[in-house]
Amino acid sequence: MGTRSRVAVMHGEVCKSVYCHYDGYLEYTGEILQKHFNSAEANRLVAMGDNSGVKETVEEMNFYKDRGEDGVDFSVAHSFEEFLEQVDGCWGEWYYVMQDGTWYVGNLYERDSRHYRKLVPLSESMALLPVREAA
């Protein structure tokens, strides 16, 4: 079962985003975006369209248009509220937004007052995660 998410770049109030089917939770997608995707790479990821899930590089990702699917280009929202409707419309749980060189995170879990329908700096949320031991 996938943890759906949207990954976005925001320029002013305009938000371009793509659907990501798998592993959208903070400990996976959030960590990869924080470690491997600067502003230029975030724009590149979004330009490629909807995908199966975020990987460490754009080249490793499975984009739906590469499979010949139609209607999988990025979506455009003209406000944060419209973007949240897009997240909800794809049954998204988490969302990640690159804005002015900084990653932000939020989710649609009402029980998570820290992230619910907000833009929280991803670095702050990552700092609160339990430290994982190396395998």
C-alpha atoms as a PDB file:
ATOM      1  CA  MET A   1       0.000   0.000   0.000  1.00  0.00           C
ATOM      2  CA  GLY A   2       1.374   3.417  -0.951  1.00  0.00           C
ATOM      3  CA  THR A   3       1.750   6.466   1.248  1.00  0.00           C
ATOM      4  CA  ARG A   4       0.751   9.039  -1.337  1.00  0.00           C
ATOM      5  CA  SER A   5       2.296  12.487  -1.415  1.00  0.00           C
ATOM      6  CA  ARG A   6       2.763  15.537  -3.590  1.00  0.00           C
ATOM      7  CA  VAL A   7       6.092  17.236  -4.200  1.00  0.00           C
ATOM      8  CA  ALA A   8       5.923  20.871  -5.200  1.00  0.00           C
ATOM      9  CA  VAL A   9       7.858  23.982  -6.025  1.00  0.00           C
ATOM     10  CA  MET A  10       6.281  27.278  -5.074  1.00  0.00           C
ATOM     11  CA  HIS A  11       7.045  30.573  -6.796  1.00  0.00           C
ATOM     12  CA  GLY A  12       5.141  33.315  -4.993  1.00  0.00           C
ATOM     13  CA  GLU A  13       1.591  31.982  -4.698  1.00  0.00           C
ATOM     14  CA  VAL A  14       1.893  29.661  -7.714  1.00  0.00           C
ATOM     15  CA  CYS A  15       2.564  26.053  -6.809  1.00  0.00           C
ATOM     16  CA  LYS A  16       3.549  23.394  -9.370  1.00  0.00           C
ATOM     17  CA  SER A  17       3.317  19.868  -8.012  1.00  0.00           C
ATOM     18  CA  VAL A  18       3.432  16.196  -8.909  1.00  0.00           C
ATOM     19  CA  TYR A  19       1.865  13.081  -7.464  1.00  0.00           C
ATOM     20  CA  CYS A  20       4.170  10.485  -5.877  1.00  0.00           C
ATOM     21  CA  HIS A  21       2.570   7.108  -5.161  1.00  0.00           C
ATOM     22  CA  TYR A  22       4.868   5.280  -2.738  1.00  0.00           C
ATOM     23  CA  ASP A  23       6.689   6.007   0.514  1.00  0.00           C
ATOM     24  CA  GLY A  24       5.598   9.619   0.955  1.00  0.00           C
ATOM     25  CA  TYR A  25       6.179   9.608   4.700  1.00  0.00           C
ATOM     26  CA  LEU A  26       8.649  11.936   6.384  1.00  0.00           C
ATOM     27  CA  GLU A  27      11.261   9.283   7.205  1.00  0.00           C
ATOM     28  CA  TYR A  28      11.648   8.338   3.539  1.00  0.00           C
ATOM     29  CA  THR A  29      10.589  10.994   1.032  1.00  0.00           C
ATOM     30  CA  GLY A  30      11.290  13.826   3.452  1.00  0.00           C
ATOM     31  CA  GLU A  31      14.761  12.548   4.183  1.00  0.00           C
ATOM     32  CA  ILE A  32      15.608  12.026   0.505  1.00  0.00           C
ATOM     33  CA  LEU A  33      14.385  15.475  -0.504  1.00  0.00           C
ATOM     34  CA  GLN A  34      16.266  17.152   2.342  1.00  0.00           C
ATOM     35  CA  LYS A  35      19.543  15.350   1.562  1.00  0.00           C
ATOM     36  CA  HIS A  36      19.524  15.127  -2.231  1.00  0.00           C
ATOM     37  CA  PHE A  37      17.297  17.806  -3.809  1.00  0.00           C
ATOM     38  CA  ASN A  38      18.207  21.475  -3.951  1.00  0.00           C
ATOM     39  CA  SER A  39      15.973  24.041  -5.647  1.00  0.00           C
ATOM     40  CA  ALA A  40      17.187  23.233  -9.174  1.00  0.00           C
ATOM     41  CA  GLU A  41      16.705  19.474  -8.680  1.00  0.00           C
ATOM     42  CA  ALA A  42      13.261  20.048  -7.148  1.00  0.00           C
ATOM     43  CA  ASN A  43      12.223  22.001 -10.245  1.00  0.00           C
ATOM     44  CA  ARG A  44      13.605  19.232 -12.437  1.00  0.00           C
ATOM     45  CA  LEU A  45      11.694  16.549 -10.524  1.00  0.00           C
ATOM     46  CA  VAL A  46       8.416  18.457 -10.825  1.00  0.00           C
ATOM     47  CA  ALA A  47       8.972  19.114 -14.525  1.00  0.00           C
ATOM     48  CA  MET A  48       9.132  15.339 -15.116  1.00  0.00           C
ATOM     49  CA  GLY A  49       5.584  14.763 -13.828  1.00  0.00           C
ATOM     50  CA  ASP A  50       3.790  12.194 -11.695  1.00  0.00           C
ATOM     51  CA  ASN A  51       5.826   9.232 -10.512  1.00  0.00           C
ATOM     52  CA  SER A  52       5.916   6.049  -8.462  1.00  0.00           C
ATOM     53  CA  GLY A  53       7.993   7.610  -5.677  1.00  0.00           C
ATOM     54  CA  VAL A  54      10.989   9.782  -4.918  1.00  0.00           C
ATOM     55  CA  LYS A  55      14.478   8.321  -5.256  1.00  0.00           C
ATOM     56  CA  GLU A  56      17.882   9.885  -4.551  1.00  0.00           C
ATOM     57  CA  THR A  57      18.202  11.113  -8.142  1.00  0.00           C
ATOM     58  CA  VAL A  58      15.702  11.992 -10.863  1.00  0.00           C
ATOM     59  CA  GLU A  59      17.381   9.407 -13.102  1.00  0.00           C
ATOM     60  CA  GLU A  60      16.436   6.601 -10.689  1.00  0.00           C
ATOM     61  CA  MET A  61      12.754   7.551 -10.591  1.00  0.00           C
ATOM     62  CA  ASN A  62       9.887   5.878 -12.441  1.00  0.00           C
ATOM     63  CA  PHE A  63       7.903   8.630 -14.188  1.00  0.00           C
ATOM     64  CA  TYR A  64       4.481   7.718 -15.545  1.00  0.00           C
ATOM     65  CA  LYS A  65       5.006   9.557 -18.840  1.00  0.00           C
ATOM     66  CA  ASP A  66       7.965   7.255 -19.513  1.00  0.00           C
ATOM     67  CA  ARG A  67       5.395   4.431 -19.480  1.00  0.00           C
ATOM     68  CA  GLY A  68       3.335   6.247 -22.100  1.00  0.00           C
ATOM     69  CA  GLU A  69       0.630   7.478 -19.729  1.00  0.00           C
ATOM     70  CA  ASP A  70      -1.284  10.684 -20.483  1.00  0.00           C
ATOM     71  CA  GLY A  71      -2.418  13.375 -18.051  1.00  0.00           C
ATOM     72  CA  VAL A  72       0.571  12.972 -15.749  1.00  0.00           C
ATOM     73  CA  ASP A  73       2.220  16.371 -16.149  1.00  0.00           C
ATOM     74  CA  PHE A  74       2.632  18.646 -13.144  1.00  0.00           C
ATOM     75  CA  SER A  75      -0.433  20.413 -11.771  1.00  0.00           C
ATOM     76  CA  VAL A  76      -0.591  24.141 -11.112  1.00  0.00           C
ATOM     77  CA  ALA A  77      -2.287  25.742  -8.116  1.00  0.00           C
ATOM     78  CA  HIS A  78      -2.643  29.505  -7.706  1.00  0.00           C
ATOM     79  CA  SER A  79      -2.854  29.449  -3.912  1.00  0.00           C
ATOM     80  CA  PHE A  80      -1.792  27.230  -1.037  1.00  0.00           C
ATOM     81  CA  GLU A  81      -5.445  26.294  -0.427  1.00  0.00           C
ATOM     82  CA  GLU A  82      -5.826  25.180  -4.047  1.00  0.00           C
ATOM     83  CA  PHE A  83      -2.646  23.105  -3.657  1.00  0.00           C
ATOM     84  CA  LEU A  84      -4.093  21.436  -0.548  1.00  0.00           C
ATOM     85  CA  GLU A  85      -7.175  20.542  -2.599  1.00  0.00           C
ATOM     86  CA  GLN A  86      -4.862  18.845  -5.100  1.00  0.00           C
ATOM     87  CA  VAL A  87      -3.177  16.896  -2.300  1.00  0.00           C
ATOM     88  CA  ASP A  88      -6.555  15.803  -0.992  1.00  0.00           C
ATOM     89  CA  GLY A  89      -7.807  15.055  -4.515  1.00  0.00           C
ATOM     90  CA  CYS A  90      -5.091  12.425  -5.067  1.00  0.00           C
ATOM     91  CA  TRP A  91      -5.638  10.936  -1.599  1.00  0.00           C
ATOM     92  CA  GLY A  92      -2.296  12.404  -0.591  1.00  0.00           C
ATOM     93  CA  GLU A  93      -1.200  12.151   2.986  1.00  0.00           C
ATOM     94  CA  TRP A  94       2.048  14.152   3.009  1.00  0.00           C
ATOM     95  CA  TYR A  95       3.235  17.069   0.883  1.00  0.00           C
ATOM     96  CA  TYR A  96       6.622  18.665   0.378  1.00  0.00           C
ATOM     97  CA  VAL A  97       7.139  22.188  -0.958  1.00  0.00           C
ATOM     98  CA  MET A  98      10.377  23.792  -2.115  1.00  0.00           C
ATOM     99  CA  GLN A  99      10.114  27.551  -1.699  1.00  0.00           C
ATOM    100  CA  ASP A 100      12.963  30.058  -1.893  1.00  0.00           C
ATOM    101  CA  GLY A 101      15.585  27.321  -1.496  1.00  0.00           C
ATOM    102  CA  THR A 102      13.982  25.730   1.571  1.00  0.00           C
ATOM    103  CA  TRP A 103      11.971  22.509   1.856  1.00  0.00           C
ATOM    104  CA  TYR A 104       8.712  22.583   3.813  1.00  0.00           C
ATOM    105  CA  VAL A 105       6.496  19.680   4.831  1.00  0.00           C
ATOM    106  CA  GLY A 106       2.902  19.202   5.885  1.00  0.00           C
ATOM    107  CA  ASN A 107       0.217  16.572   5.913  1.00  0.00           C
ATOM    108  CA  LEU A 108      -3.525  16.022   5.945  1.00  0.00           C
ATOM    109  CA  TYR A 109      -3.642  14.079   9.224  1.00  0.00           C
ATOM    110  CA  GLU A 110      -5.963  16.045  11.514  1.00  0.00           C
ATOM    111  CA  ARG A 111      -4.433  14.381  14.572  1.00  0.00           C
ATOM    112  CA  ASP A 112      -0.978  15.832  13.714  1.00  0.00           C
ATOM    113  CA  SER A 113      -1.345  19.433  14.869  1.00  0.00           C
ATOM    114  CA  ARG A 114       2.298  20.181  14.065  1.00  0.00           C
ATOM    115  CA  HIS A 115       1.933  19.461  10.322  1.00  0.00           C
ATOM    116  CA  TYR A 116      -1.787  19.502   9.543  1.00  0.00           C
ATOM    117  CA  ARG A 117      -2.402  21.786   6.534  1.00  0.00           C
ATOM    118  CA  LYS A 118       0.761  23.781   7.322  1.00  0.00           C
ATOM    119  CA  LEU A 119       4.180  24.483   5.852  1.00  0.00           C
ATOM    120  CA  VAL A 120       6.746  23.452   8.456  1.00  0.00           C
ATOM    121  CA  PRO A 121      10.446  23.682   7.619  1.00  0.00           C
ATOM    122  CA  LEU A 122      11.463  20.139   6.711  1.00  0.00           C
ATOM    123  CA  SER A 123      14.759  20.451   8.581  1.00  0.00           C
ATOM    124  CA  GLU A 124      12.840  21.121  11.825  1.00  0.00           C
ATOM    125  CA  SER A 125      10.598  18.105  11.342  1.00  0.00           C
ATOM    126  CA  MET A 126      13.537  15.874  10.453  1.00  0.00           C
ATOM    127  CA  ALA A 127      15.386  16.973  13.596  1.00  0.00           C
ATOM    128  CA  LEU A 128      12.503  15.629  15.716  1.00  0.00           C
ATOM    129  CA  LEU A 129      12.667  12.128  14.254  1.00  0.00           C
ATOM    130  CA  PRO A 130      14.250   9.384  16.357  1.00  0.00           C
ATOM    131  CA  VAL A 131      17.853   8.687  15.450  1.00  0.00           C
ATOM    132  CA  ARG A 132      18.135   5.466  13.480  1.00  0.00           C
ATOM    133  CA  GLU A 133      21.019   3.108  14.066  1.00  0.00           C
ATOM    134  CA  ALA A 134      23.127   2.170  11.071  1.00  0.00           C
ATOM    135  CA  ALA A 135      22.526  -1.350   9.802  1.00  0.00           C
END
